[in-house]
Amino acid sequence: MHISRAKLKVRYSETDKMGIVYHSNYYPWFEIGRGEYIIKSGITYKNMEEQGIMMPLVETYCKYIEGAKYDDSIIIETFIKELSPVKVIFNYNVIREEDNKILAQGYTTQTFINSNFKIINLKRSHPEIWEKLYALYEDKQSS
């Protein structure tokens, strides 16, 4: 199973008055995880955008299990749950490194669009990028 692992330290500015990471800060962490995952395929968001491919969010979800706190070392595990030529669903586990406790789990659904904001079939329009993403997804499926 291909799982990308991005590490970060919780910054004070990410916490609320209770000293717990404010709920909306998990979504930028998901973005960090997604970016790292895509880099593992040999491409970047920037490369994709230069080729006229964008991946807007169409759905997002996060289940908060236990609050991360200031100075916690966090690991964002990211993997593809579902991949089709027109959309991708990434899953995320936010883990406190110290005790491997899962603090939150979530997913994002994104579609592939062109620079005219029209949904595209990535497999047909950019087969080389499709193959790179699919290779990571297929890795997941074989486990």
Foldseek 3Di string as FASTA:
>chain_A
DDKFKDKDFAAQVQADPVQFGDVVVVVVVVVVRVQRSLVVLVDGQVRCVVVFKDWDWPDKDKDFDATDGHGFMWMWIKAWPDDFQFKTKIKIFIARPVVRDGGMIMITMITIAGNVRHTDRCCPPPVVSVVSNVVRNVVVVVD
